[in-house]
């Protein structure tokens, strides 16, 4: 067993045919698409995301011969749900109420019934659909993974989705792009900027 962790800087996006961007990396890309300020630590994930999309511009051109893969983003229903829910809570609501005040409000009672919520959700769906050609839809394999083999391992350092994604991707050779410093798993390709993960190499 070994840690297969690579820094995102300098990693060639055409190295693999598929990438699994976790929710935090997707949210960074969607913030950029929606003209919302991206945090400094998110910039590398946005750049990598955009580099993957731009590779597809070379299809059918002489430059295509130099491209190893035209990669796509793996998407499953759990990830889609996590992206939408987290974006609306952590980005849309924060922008609406302001970074210093949004935590004073209840997402369901105060924000979800607003016109801003409806507009931001419509915009988010439009942005996600704009990347449909670059997405590879995968089944969640929920029965194969058996959630009851995961839940006993939950602790303060990992959540259910972390374990689920690990077991979901294990043995598939699909790297996960993540800024989650708690995503500490062996024998799974991980691409990140997180220093604590890179120190495990």
N, C-alpha and C. Protein backbone atom coordinates (compact mmCIF):
# COMPACT_ATOMS: atom_id res chain seq x y z
N UNK A 1 0.85 -1.20 0.00
CA UNK A 1 0.00 0.00 0.00
C UNK A 1 0.88 1.24 0.00
N UNK A 2 0.42 2.26 -0.73
CA UNK A 2 1.22 3.48 -0.84
C UNK A 2 0.30 4.67 -1.11
N UNK A 3 0.80 5.85 -0.76
CA UNK A 3 0.08 7.07 -1.07
C UNK A 3 0.45 7.48 -2.50
N UNK A 4 -0.56 7.70 -3.32
CA UNK A 4 -0.37 8.07 -4.73
C UNK A 4 -0.82 9.52 -4.91
N UNK A 5 -0.09 10.42 -4.27
CA UNK A 5 -0.51 11.82 -4.20
C UNK A 5 0.42 12.68 -5.05
N UNK A 6 -0.17 13.50 -5.92
CA UNK A 6 0.60 14.35 -6.83
C UNK A 6 0.18 15.81 -6.67
N UNK A 7 1.14 16.72 -6.81
CA UNK A 7 0.78 18.15 -6.78
C UNK A 7 0.05 18.52 -8.07
N UNK A 8 -0.94 19.36 -7.96
CA UNK A 8 -1.71 19.74 -9.14
C UNK A 8 -0.88 20.62 -10.07
N UNK A 9 0.01 21.43 -9.48
CA UNK A 9 0.88 22.28 -10.29
C UNK A 9 1.85 21.39 -11.08
N UNK A 10 1.85 21.56 -12.37
CA UNK A 10 2.75 20.79 -13.21
C UNK A 10 2.17 19.46 -13.68
N UNK A 11 0.99 19.09 -13.18
CA UNK A 11 0.35 17.84 -13.60
C UNK A 11 -0.32 18.09 -14.95
N UNK A 12 -0.01 17.28 -15.93
CA UNK A 12 -0.55 17.48 -17.27
C UNK A 12 -1.99 16.98 -17.34
N UNK A 13 -2.93 17.82 -17.70
CA UNK A 13 -4.34 17.41 -17.71
C UNK A 13 -4.66 16.31 -18.71
N UNK A 14 -3.83 16.11 -19.73
CA UNK A 14 -4.11 15.05 -20.70
C UNK A 14 -3.51 13.71 -20.30
N UNK A 15 -3.03 13.60 -19.05
CA UNK A 15 -2.41 12.36 -18.58
C UNK A 15 -3.41 11.22 -18.39
N UNK A 16 -4.69 11.58 -18.15
CA UNK A 16 -5.71 10.57 -17.86
C UNK A 16 -6.97 10.85 -18.67
N UNK A 17 -7.72 9.79 -19.00
CA UNK A 17 -8.97 10.00 -19.74
C UNK A 17 -10.12 10.48 -18.87
N UNK A 18 -10.03 10.24 -17.55
CA UNK A 18 -11.09 10.62 -16.64
C UNK A 18 -10.51 11.21 -15.36
N UNK A 19 -11.23 12.19 -14.81
CA UNK A 19 -10.88 12.77 -13.51
C UNK A 19 -12.14 12.87 -12.68
N UNK A 20 -11.98 12.64 -11.38
CA UNK A 20 -13.09 12.81 -10.44
C UNK A 20 -12.81 14.07 -9.64
N UNK A 21 -13.43 15.18 -10.02
CA UNK A 21 -13.33 16.42 -9.25
C UNK A 21 -14.31 16.30 -8.09
N UNK A 22 -13.83 16.41 -6.86
CA UNK A 22 -14.79 16.32 -5.77
C UNK A 22 -15.53 17.65 -5.65
N UNK A 23 -16.49 17.72 -4.74
CA UNK A 23 -17.39 18.88 -4.70
C UNK A 23 -16.65 20.19 -4.50
N UNK A 24 -15.59 20.20 -3.65
CA UNK A 24 -14.91 21.48 -3.42
C UNK A 24 -14.19 21.98 -4.66
N UNK A 25 -13.66 21.07 -5.48
CA UNK A 25 -13.00 21.47 -6.73
C UNK A 25 -14.03 21.93 -7.76
N UNK A 26 -15.16 21.24 -7.84
CA UNK A 26 -16.24 21.66 -8.73
C UNK A 26 -16.75 23.05 -8.33
N UNK A 27 -16.93 23.26 -7.04
CA UNK A 27 -17.46 24.54 -6.58
C UNK A 27 -16.52 25.68 -6.94
N UNK A 28 -15.23 25.45 -6.82
CA UNK A 28 -14.26 26.47 -7.23
C UNK A 28 -14.44 26.82 -8.70
N UNK A 29 -14.57 25.79 -9.55
CA UNK A 29 -14.75 26.02 -10.98
C UNK A 29 -16.05 26.74 -11.27
N UNK A 30 -17.12 26.37 -10.57
CA UNK A 30 -18.42 26.99 -10.80
C UNK A 30 -18.47 28.42 -10.29
N UNK A 31 -17.73 28.72 -9.23
CA UNK A 31 -17.62 30.10 -8.77
C UNK A 31 -16.98 30.95 -9.85
N UNK A 32 -15.92 30.44 -10.45
CA UNK A 32 -15.22 31.16 -11.50
C UNK A 32 -16.13 31.38 -12.71
N UNK A 33 -16.86 30.33 -13.08
CA UNK A 33 -17.80 30.42 -14.21
C UNK A 33 -18.87 31.47 -13.94
N UNK A 34 -19.31 31.54 -12.70
CA UNK A 34 -20.36 32.49 -12.31
C UNK A 34 -19.85 33.86 -11.94
N UNK A 35 -18.59 34.13 -12.25
CA UNK A 35 -17.96 35.44 -11.96
C UNK A 35 -17.98 35.79 -10.49
N UNK A 36 -17.86 34.77 -9.64
CA UNK A 36 -17.75 34.98 -8.20
C UNK A 36 -16.28 34.85 -7.83
N UNK A 37 -15.80 35.71 -6.96
CA UNK A 37 -14.38 35.71 -6.59
C UNK A 37 -13.95 34.34 -6.09
N UNK A 38 -12.83 33.88 -6.60
CA UNK A 38 -12.26 32.59 -6.22
C UNK A 38 -11.20 32.81 -5.16
N UNK A 39 -11.22 32.00 -4.11
CA UNK A 39 -10.20 32.10 -3.06
C UNK A 39 -8.85 31.69 -3.64
N UNK A 40 -7.77 32.19 -3.03
CA UNK A 40 -6.42 31.93 -3.54
C UNK A 40 -6.16 30.42 -3.64
N UNK A 41 -6.58 29.66 -2.61
CA UNK A 41 -6.31 28.22 -2.62
C UNK A 41 -7.13 27.47 -3.67
N UNK A 42 -8.16 28.12 -4.23
CA UNK A 42 -9.00 27.47 -5.24
C UNK A 42 -8.47 27.68 -6.67
N UNK A 43 -7.57 28.63 -6.85
CA UNK A 43 -7.14 29.02 -8.19
C UNK A 43 -6.55 27.86 -8.98
N UNK A 44 -5.74 27.03 -8.33
CA UNK A 44 -5.09 25.92 -9.04
C UNK A 44 -6.12 24.92 -9.55
N UNK A 45 -7.19 24.71 -8.80
CA UNK A 45 -8.24 23.77 -9.22
C UNK A 45 -9.03 24.34 -10.40
N UNK A 46 -9.29 25.64 -10.37
CA UNK A 46 -9.97 26.29 -11.48
C UNK A 46 -9.12 26.20 -12.74
N UNK A 47 -7.82 26.48 -12.61
CA UNK A 47 -6.92 26.43 -13.77
C UNK A 47 -6.87 25.03 -14.37
N UNK A 48 -6.83 24.01 -13.51
CA UNK A 48 -6.77 22.63 -13.99
C UNK A 48 -8.09 22.26 -14.69
N UNK A 49 -9.19 22.66 -14.09
CA UNK A 49 -10.51 22.42 -14.68
C UNK A 49 -10.59 23.06 -16.07
N UNK A 50 -10.20 24.31 -16.15
CA UNK A 50 -10.26 25.04 -17.43
C UNK A 50 -9.30 24.44 -18.46
N UNK A 51 -8.17 23.93 -18.00
CA UNK A 51 -7.21 23.30 -18.92
C UNK A 51 -7.80 22.04 -19.54
N UNK A 52 -8.55 21.28 -18.74
CA UNK A 52 -9.21 20.08 -19.27
C UNK A 52 -10.24 20.46 -20.32
N UNK A 53 -11.05 21.45 -20.02
CA UNK A 53 -12.07 21.89 -20.98
C UNK A 53 -11.42 22.40 -22.26
N UNK A 54 -10.37 23.18 -22.13
CA UNK A 54 -9.73 23.76 -23.32
C UNK A 54 -9.03 22.72 -24.19
N UNK A 55 -8.65 21.58 -23.61
CA UNK A 55 -8.05 20.52 -24.43
C UNK A 55 -8.99 20.09 -25.55
N UNK A 56 -10.28 20.10 -25.26
CA UNK A 56 -11.27 19.65 -26.24
C UNK A 56 -11.35 20.58 -27.45
N UNK A 57 -10.83 21.80 -27.31
CA UNK A 57 -10.79 22.73 -28.44
C UNK A 57 -9.83 22.26 -29.52
N UNK A 58 -8.92 21.34 -29.15
CA UNK A 58 -7.92 20.87 -30.12
C UNK A 58 -8.39 19.66 -30.92
N UNK A 59 -9.56 19.13 -30.58
CA UNK A 59 -10.08 17.98 -31.32
C UNK A 59 -10.24 18.34 -32.80
N UNK A 60 -9.76 17.46 -33.66
CA UNK A 60 -9.89 17.68 -35.10
C UNK A 60 -8.89 18.65 -35.68
N UNK A 61 -7.93 19.10 -34.86
CA UNK A 61 -6.89 20.01 -35.35
C UNK A 61 -5.55 19.27 -35.39
N UNK A 62 -4.56 19.83 -36.08
CA UNK A 62 -3.23 19.19 -36.10
C UNK A 62 -2.64 19.02 -34.70
N UNK A 63 -3.00 19.91 -33.76
CA UNK A 63 -2.48 19.83 -32.40
C UNK A 63 -3.00 18.60 -31.65
N UNK A 64 -4.10 18.02 -32.14
CA UNK A 64 -4.71 16.87 -31.46
C UNK A 64 -3.76 15.68 -31.39
N UNK A 65 -2.84 15.58 -32.34
CA UNK A 65 -1.89 14.46 -32.35
C UNK A 65 -0.98 14.48 -31.13
N UNK A 66 -0.79 15.66 -30.55
CA UNK A 66 0.09 15.78 -29.38
C UNK A 66 -0.66 15.60 -28.07
N UNK A 67 -1.99 15.46 -28.13
CA UNK A 67 -2.80 15.31 -26.93
C UNK A 67 -2.99 13.83 -26.63
N UNK A 68 -2.55 13.40 -25.46
CA UNK A 68 -2.64 11.99 -25.08
C UNK A 68 -4.09 11.56 -24.84
N UNK A 69 -4.83 12.35 -24.07
CA UNK A 69 -6.23 12.08 -23.78
C UNK A 69 -7.02 13.39 -23.83
N UNK A 70 -8.28 13.28 -24.21
CA UNK A 70 -9.22 14.38 -24.08
C UNK A 70 -10.12 14.03 -22.90
N UNK A 71 -9.69 14.36 -21.70
CA UNK A 71 -10.35 13.84 -20.49
C UNK A 71 -11.73 14.41 -20.25
N UNK A 72 -12.49 13.64 -19.46
CA UNK A 72 -13.81 14.08 -19.03
C UNK A 72 -13.88 14.02 -17.50
N UNK A 73 -14.90 14.69 -16.98
CA UNK A 73 -15.13 14.71 -15.54
C UNK A 73 -16.13 13.62 -15.18
N UNK A 74 -15.78 12.76 -14.24
CA UNK A 74 -16.70 11.72 -13.78
C UNK A 74 -17.77 12.37 -12.92
N UNK A 75 -19.02 11.99 -13.17
CA UNK A 75 -20.13 12.52 -12.37
C UNK A 75 -21.04 11.37 -11.98
N UNK A 76 -21.37 11.28 -10.69
CA UNK A 76 -22.36 10.33 -10.20
C UNK A 76 -23.41 11.13 -9.44
N UNK A 77 -24.52 10.49 -9.10
CA UNK A 77 -25.63 11.23 -8.50
C UNK A 77 -25.27 11.79 -7.12
N UNK A 78 -24.48 11.05 -6.33
CA UNK A 78 -24.09 11.56 -5.01
C UNK A 78 -23.26 12.83 -5.15
N UNK A 79 -22.34 12.84 -6.11
CA UNK A 79 -21.50 14.02 -6.32
C UNK A 79 -22.34 15.19 -6.81
N UNK A 80 -23.25 14.94 -7.74
CA UNK A 80 -24.12 16.02 -8.24
C UNK A 80 -24.92 16.64 -7.10
N UNK A 81 -25.48 15.80 -6.24
CA UNK A 81 -26.25 16.29 -5.09
C UNK A 81 -25.36 17.12 -4.17
N UNK A 82 -24.17 16.63 -3.91
CA UNK A 82 -23.25 17.34 -3.01
C UNK A 82 -22.85 18.70 -3.59
N UNK A 83 -22.59 18.74 -4.88
CA UNK A 83 -22.20 20.00 -5.54
C UNK A 83 -23.31 21.04 -5.41
N UNK A 84 -24.52 20.64 -5.78
CA UNK A 84 -25.64 21.60 -5.77
C UNK A 84 -25.94 22.07 -4.35
N UNK A 85 -26.04 21.15 -3.41
CA UNK A 85 -26.36 21.52 -2.03
C UNK A 85 -25.29 22.41 -1.41
N UNK A 86 -24.02 22.02 -1.59
CA UNK A 86 -22.94 22.80 -1.01
C UNK A 86 -22.82 24.18 -1.66
N UNK A 87 -22.98 24.23 -2.98
CA UNK A 87 -22.87 25.52 -3.67
C UNK A 87 -23.95 26.49 -3.18
N UNK A 88 -25.17 26.01 -3.08
CA UNK A 88 -26.25 26.90 -2.67
C UNK A 88 -26.09 27.37 -1.23
N UNK A 89 -25.56 26.51 -0.37
CA UNK A 89 -25.37 26.89 1.04
C UNK A 89 -24.11 27.73 1.26
N UNK A 90 -23.02 27.32 0.63
CA UNK A 90 -21.72 27.91 0.92
C UNK A 90 -21.34 29.08 0.01
N UNK A 91 -21.97 29.15 -1.15
CA UNK A 91 -21.62 30.21 -2.10
C UNK A 91 -22.80 31.17 -2.29
N UNK A 92 -23.91 30.64 -2.81
CA UNK A 92 -25.04 31.51 -3.14
C UNK A 92 -25.57 32.26 -1.91
N UNK A 93 -25.78 31.53 -0.83
CA UNK A 93 -26.31 32.14 0.39
C UNK A 93 -25.30 33.15 0.97
N UNK A 94 -24.03 32.83 0.90
CA UNK A 94 -22.99 33.72 1.43
C UNK A 94 -22.94 35.02 0.63
N UNK A 95 -23.07 34.91 -0.69
CA UNK A 95 -23.06 36.10 -1.54
C UNK A 95 -24.29 36.97 -1.24
N UNK A 96 -25.44 36.32 -1.05
CA UNK A 96 -26.68 37.06 -0.84
C UNK A 96 -26.67 37.83 0.48
N UNK A 97 -26.27 37.19 1.55
CA UNK A 97 -26.33 37.83 2.87
C UNK A 97 -25.01 38.52 3.26
N UNK A 98 -23.95 38.20 2.57
CA UNK A 98 -22.65 38.76 2.91
C UNK A 98 -21.86 37.81 3.78
N UNK A 99 -20.57 37.76 3.55
CA UNK A 99 -19.71 36.79 4.23
C UNK A 99 -19.76 36.92 5.75
N UNK A 100 -19.94 38.14 6.24
CA UNK A 100 -19.92 38.35 7.69
C UNK A 100 -21.27 38.15 8.36
N UNK A 101 -22.32 37.92 7.55
CA UNK A 101 -23.66 37.85 8.14
C UNK A 101 -24.43 36.58 7.80
N UNK A 102 -24.01 35.84 6.77
CA UNK A 102 -24.85 34.75 6.28
C UNK A 102 -25.10 33.65 7.32
N UNK A 103 -24.18 33.47 8.26
CA UNK A 103 -24.36 32.41 9.26
C UNK A 103 -25.46 32.72 10.27
N UNK A 104 -25.92 33.96 10.26
CA UNK A 104 -27.02 34.34 11.15
C UNK A 104 -28.37 33.87 10.61
N UNK A 105 -28.39 33.41 9.35
CA UNK A 105 -29.64 33.05 8.70
C UNK A 105 -29.75 31.54 8.52
N UNK A 106 -30.98 31.08 8.49
CA UNK A 106 -31.26 29.67 8.30
C UNK A 106 -31.48 29.40 6.81
N UNK A 107 -30.76 28.42 6.29
CA UNK A 107 -30.82 28.15 4.85
C UNK A 107 -32.24 27.87 4.38
N UNK A 108 -32.93 26.96 5.04
CA UNK A 108 -34.27 26.57 4.60
C UNK A 108 -35.33 27.64 4.89
N UNK A 109 -35.30 28.18 6.09
CA UNK A 109 -36.35 29.13 6.48
C UNK A 109 -36.16 30.51 5.86
N UNK A 110 -34.91 30.96 5.81
CA UNK A 110 -34.66 32.34 5.37
C UNK A 110 -34.28 32.48 3.91
N UNK A 111 -33.47 31.56 3.42
CA UNK A 111 -32.91 31.78 2.08
C UNK A 111 -33.64 31.04 0.97
N UNK A 112 -34.05 29.80 1.21
CA UNK A 112 -34.55 28.99 0.11
C UNK A 112 -35.82 29.53 -0.53
N UNK A 113 -36.57 30.32 0.16
CA UNK A 113 -37.80 30.88 -0.41
C UNK A 113 -37.60 32.21 -1.13
N UNK A 114 -36.37 32.70 -1.20
CA UNK A 114 -36.12 34.01 -1.81
C UNK A 114 -36.02 33.92 -3.33
N UNK A 115 -36.23 35.05 -3.97
CA UNK A 115 -36.06 35.14 -5.42
C UNK A 115 -34.60 34.91 -5.79
N UNK A 116 -33.70 35.34 -4.91
CA UNK A 116 -32.27 35.15 -5.19
C UNK A 116 -31.92 33.67 -5.25
N UNK A 117 -32.48 32.87 -4.34
CA UNK A 117 -32.23 31.43 -4.37
C UNK A 117 -32.66 30.85 -5.71
N UNK A 118 -33.85 31.18 -6.15
CA UNK A 118 -34.36 30.66 -7.42
C UNK A 118 -33.47 31.06 -8.58
N UNK A 119 -33.04 32.33 -8.58
CA UNK A 119 -32.19 32.82 -9.67
C UNK A 119 -30.81 32.16 -9.65
N UNK A 120 -30.23 32.01 -8.44
CA UNK A 120 -28.90 31.40 -8.33
C UNK A 120 -28.96 29.91 -8.68
N UNK A 121 -30.03 29.24 -8.29
CA UNK A 121 -30.17 27.82 -8.63
C UNK A 121 -30.30 27.64 -10.13
N UNK A 122 -31.10 28.48 -10.77
CA UNK A 122 -31.26 28.42 -12.23
C UNK A 122 -29.93 28.66 -12.93
N UNK A 123 -29.16 29.62 -12.43
CA UNK A 123 -27.86 29.92 -13.00
C UNK A 123 -26.88 28.76 -12.80
N UNK A 124 -26.91 28.16 -11.61
CA UNK A 124 -26.03 27.03 -11.32
C UNK A 124 -26.34 25.85 -12.24
N UNK A 125 -27.62 25.55 -12.42
CA UNK A 125 -28.02 24.45 -13.31
C UNK A 125 -27.56 24.73 -14.74
N UNK A 126 -27.70 25.97 -15.17
CA UNK A 126 -27.25 26.35 -16.51
C UNK A 126 -25.75 26.16 -16.66
N UNK A 127 -25.00 26.56 -15.62
CA UNK A 127 -23.55 26.40 -15.67
C UNK A 127 -23.14 24.93 -15.70
N UNK A 128 -23.80 24.10 -14.90
CA UNK A 128 -23.50 22.67 -14.91
C UNK A 128 -23.81 22.05 -16.26
N UNK A 129 -24.93 22.43 -16.84
CA UNK A 129 -25.32 21.89 -18.14
C UNK A 129 -24.37 22.33 -19.26
N UNK A 130 -23.73 23.47 -19.07
CA UNK A 130 -22.78 23.94 -20.07
C UNK A 130 -21.57 23.01 -20.19
N UNK A 131 -21.32 22.22 -19.12
CA UNK A 131 -20.19 21.29 -19.13
C UNK A 131 -20.62 19.86 -19.46
N UNK A 132 -21.87 19.68 -19.89
CA UNK A 132 -22.40 18.33 -20.12
C UNK A 132 -21.54 17.53 -21.09
N UNK A 133 -21.02 18.16 -22.13
CA UNK A 133 -20.21 17.45 -23.13
C UNK A 133 -18.88 16.96 -22.56
N UNK A 134 -18.47 17.53 -21.44
CA UNK A 134 -17.19 17.16 -20.83
C UNK A 134 -17.36 16.23 -19.63
N UNK A 135 -18.59 15.77 -19.40
CA UNK A 135 -18.90 14.94 -18.24
C UNK A 135 -19.20 13.51 -18.67
N UNK A 136 -18.66 12.57 -17.92
CA UNK A 136 -18.91 11.15 -18.13
C UNK A 136 -19.77 10.66 -16.96
N UNK A 137 -21.02 10.32 -17.25
CA UNK A 137 -21.95 9.90 -16.20
C UNK A 137 -21.65 8.47 -15.77
N UNK A 138 -21.51 8.26 -14.47
CA UNK A 138 -21.23 6.94 -13.92
C UNK A 138 -22.32 6.54 -12.92
N UNK A 139 -22.60 5.26 -12.87
CA UNK A 139 -23.53 4.74 -11.87
C UNK A 139 -22.87 4.82 -10.49
N UNK A 140 -23.68 5.00 -9.45
CA UNK A 140 -23.14 5.14 -8.10
C UNK A 140 -22.64 3.84 -7.48
N UNK A 141 -23.01 2.69 -8.02
CA UNK A 141 -22.57 1.40 -7.48
C UNK A 141 -22.90 1.24 -6.01
N UNK A 142 -24.03 1.77 -5.58
CA UNK A 142 -24.36 1.76 -4.15
C UNK A 142 -24.46 0.35 -3.59
N UNK A 143 -25.05 -0.56 -4.36
CA UNK A 143 -25.18 -1.94 -3.88
C UNK A 143 -23.83 -2.65 -3.82
N UNK A 144 -22.95 -2.34 -4.78
CA UNK A 144 -21.64 -2.99 -4.82
C UNK A 144 -20.76 -2.57 -3.64
N UNK A 145 -20.90 -1.32 -3.24
CA UNK A 145 -20.05 -0.80 -2.17
C UNK A 145 -20.55 -1.24 -0.80
N UNK A 146 -21.85 -1.35 -0.63
CA UNK A 146 -22.46 -1.73 0.64
C UNK A 146 -22.18 -0.67 1.71
N UNK A 147 -23.08 0.28 1.85
CA UNK A 147 -22.86 1.37 2.81
C UNK A 147 -22.65 0.90 4.24
N UNK A 148 -23.16 -0.29 4.58
CA UNK A 148 -23.01 -0.77 5.95
C UNK A 148 -21.59 -1.26 6.23
N UNK A 149 -20.78 -1.38 5.17
CA UNK A 149 -19.37 -1.71 5.39
C UNK A 149 -18.54 -0.44 5.60
N UNK A 150 -19.17 0.71 5.39
CA UNK A 150 -18.48 2.00 5.52
C UNK A 150 -18.82 2.69 6.83
N UNK A 151 -20.09 2.64 7.24
CA UNK A 151 -20.53 3.52 8.33
C UNK A 151 -19.81 3.27 9.65
N UNK A 152 -19.32 2.06 9.88
CA UNK A 152 -18.64 1.81 11.15
C UNK A 152 -17.27 2.48 11.21
N UNK A 153 -16.76 2.95 10.05
CA UNK A 153 -15.45 3.61 10.01
C UNK A 153 -15.55 5.13 10.14
N UNK A 154 -16.76 5.66 10.16
CA UNK A 154 -16.92 7.11 10.26
C UNK A 154 -16.35 7.62 11.58
N UNK A 155 -15.68 8.76 11.50
CA UNK A 155 -15.09 9.37 12.69
C UNK A 155 -15.03 10.88 12.49
N UNK A 156 -14.38 11.55 13.39
CA UNK A 156 -14.31 13.02 13.32
C UNK A 156 -13.46 13.52 12.17
N UNK A 157 -12.61 12.64 11.60
CA UNK A 157 -11.71 13.07 10.54
C UNK A 157 -12.25 12.84 9.13
N UNK A 158 -13.20 11.93 8.98
CA UNK A 158 -13.74 11.62 7.66
C UNK A 158 -15.25 11.58 7.70
N UNK A 159 -15.87 11.99 6.60
CA UNK A 159 -17.32 11.87 6.52
C UNK A 159 -17.69 10.71 5.59
N UNK A 160 -18.97 10.42 5.50
CA UNK A 160 -19.43 9.30 4.70
C UNK A 160 -19.01 9.43 3.25
N UNK A 161 -19.13 10.65 2.71
CA UNK A 161 -18.80 10.84 1.30
C UNK A 161 -17.33 10.55 1.01
N UNK A 162 -16.44 10.90 1.94
CA UNK A 162 -15.02 10.60 1.75
C UNK A 162 -14.80 9.10 1.56
N UNK A 163 -15.35 8.32 2.47
CA UNK A 163 -15.20 6.86 2.38
C UNK A 163 -15.89 6.32 1.13
N UNK A 164 -17.05 6.87 0.84
CA UNK A 164 -17.78 6.38 -0.33
C UNK A 164 -16.98 6.61 -1.60
N UNK A 165 -16.45 7.82 -1.76
CA UNK A 165 -15.68 8.12 -2.97
C UNK A 165 -14.42 7.26 -3.05
N UNK A 166 -13.79 7.01 -1.91
CA UNK A 166 -12.61 6.15 -1.90
C UNK A 166 -12.96 4.76 -2.42
N UNK A 167 -14.00 4.15 -1.87
CA UNK A 167 -14.38 2.80 -2.31
C UNK A 167 -14.91 2.81 -3.74
N UNK A 168 -15.56 3.88 -4.11
CA UNK A 168 -16.12 4.01 -5.46
C UNK A 168 -15.01 4.07 -6.51
N UNK A 169 -13.93 4.78 -6.20
CA UNK A 169 -12.85 4.98 -7.16
C UNK A 169 -11.75 3.92 -7.08
N UNK A 170 -11.71 3.18 -5.99
CA UNK A 170 -10.63 2.21 -5.76
C UNK A 170 -10.53 1.21 -6.92
N UNK A 171 -9.32 1.08 -7.44
CA UNK A 171 -9.05 0.12 -8.51
C UNK A 171 -9.44 0.57 -9.90
N UNK A 172 -10.00 1.78 -10.03
CA UNK A 172 -10.44 2.26 -11.34
C UNK A 172 -9.39 3.11 -12.05
N UNK A 173 -8.35 3.50 -11.32
CA UNK A 173 -7.30 4.31 -11.93
C UNK A 173 -7.72 5.73 -12.26
N UNK A 174 -8.82 6.18 -11.65
CA UNK A 174 -9.31 7.54 -11.90
C UNK A 174 -8.83 8.44 -10.76
N UNK A 175 -8.00 9.44 -11.06
CA UNK A 175 -7.54 10.33 -10.00
C UNK A 175 -8.67 11.20 -9.45
N UNK A 176 -8.61 11.46 -8.16
CA UNK A 176 -9.54 12.41 -7.56
C UNK A 176 -8.81 13.74 -7.38
N UNK A 177 -9.47 14.81 -7.78
CA UNK A 177 -8.94 16.16 -7.60
C UNK A 177 -9.64 16.72 -6.38
N UNK A 178 -8.87 17.02 -5.35
CA UNK A 178 -9.50 17.46 -4.11
C UNK A 178 -8.66 18.46 -3.33
N UNK A 179 -9.36 19.35 -2.63
CA UNK A 179 -8.71 20.27 -1.70
C UNK A 179 -9.03 19.87 -0.26
N UNK A 180 -9.56 18.67 -0.10
CA UNK A 180 -9.95 18.17 1.22
C UNK A 180 -8.73 17.58 1.92
N UNK A 181 -8.25 18.27 2.94
CA UNK A 181 -7.06 17.82 3.66
C UNK A 181 -7.28 16.55 4.45
N UNK A 182 -8.55 16.14 4.64
CA UNK A 182 -8.86 14.91 5.36
C UNK A 182 -8.96 13.70 4.44
N UNK A 183 -8.83 13.91 3.14
CA UNK A 183 -8.96 12.80 2.20
C UNK A 183 -7.64 12.04 2.15
N UNK A 184 -7.39 11.27 3.21
CA UNK A 184 -6.12 10.56 3.36
C UNK A 184 -6.36 9.07 3.16
N UNK A 185 -6.11 8.63 1.94
CA UNK A 185 -6.32 7.22 1.59
C UNK A 185 -5.15 6.74 0.73
N UNK A 186 -4.84 5.47 0.87
CA UNK A 186 -3.75 4.88 0.10
C UNK A 186 -4.29 4.18 -1.14
N UNK A 187 -3.39 3.97 -2.10
CA UNK A 187 -3.68 3.23 -3.33
C UNK A 187 -4.78 3.88 -4.16
N UNK A 188 -4.89 5.18 -4.08
CA UNK A 188 -5.84 5.92 -4.91
C UNK A 188 -5.13 7.18 -5.40
N UNK A 189 -5.08 7.41 -6.71
CA UNK A 189 -4.42 8.62 -7.22
C UNK A 189 -5.16 9.87 -6.74
N UNK A 190 -4.43 10.75 -6.08
CA UNK A 190 -4.98 11.99 -5.54
C UNK A 190 -4.15 13.15 -6.08
N UNK A 191 -4.83 14.16 -6.61
CA UNK A 191 -4.15 15.36 -7.12
C UNK A 191 -4.65 16.53 -6.29
N UNK A 192 -3.72 17.30 -5.74
CA UNK A 192 -4.12 18.31 -4.75
C UNK A 192 -3.06 19.40 -4.61
N UNK A 193 -3.42 20.44 -3.85
CA UNK A 193 -2.45 21.46 -3.43
C UNK A 193 -2.19 21.36 -1.93
N UNK A 194 -2.92 20.49 -1.26
CA UNK A 194 -2.85 20.42 0.20
C UNK A 194 -1.49 19.90 0.67
N UNK A 195 -0.80 20.70 1.47
CA UNK A 195 0.56 20.36 1.89
C UNK A 195 0.58 19.11 2.76
N UNK A 196 -0.45 18.94 3.62
CA UNK A 196 -0.44 17.77 4.49
C UNK A 196 -0.60 16.47 3.70
N UNK A 197 -1.32 16.53 2.58
CA UNK A 197 -1.44 15.34 1.73
C UNK A 197 -0.16 15.10 0.93
N UNK A 198 0.40 16.16 0.40
CA UNK A 198 1.62 16.03 -0.40
C UNK A 198 2.80 15.53 0.45
N UNK A 199 2.77 15.84 1.73
CA UNK A 199 3.84 15.40 2.62
C UNK A 199 3.82 13.88 2.84
N UNK A 200 2.71 13.23 2.48
CA UNK A 200 2.58 11.78 2.67
C UNK A 200 3.22 10.99 1.54
N UNK A 201 3.58 11.64 0.46
CA UNK A 201 4.15 10.94 -0.71
C UNK A 201 5.33 10.07 -0.33
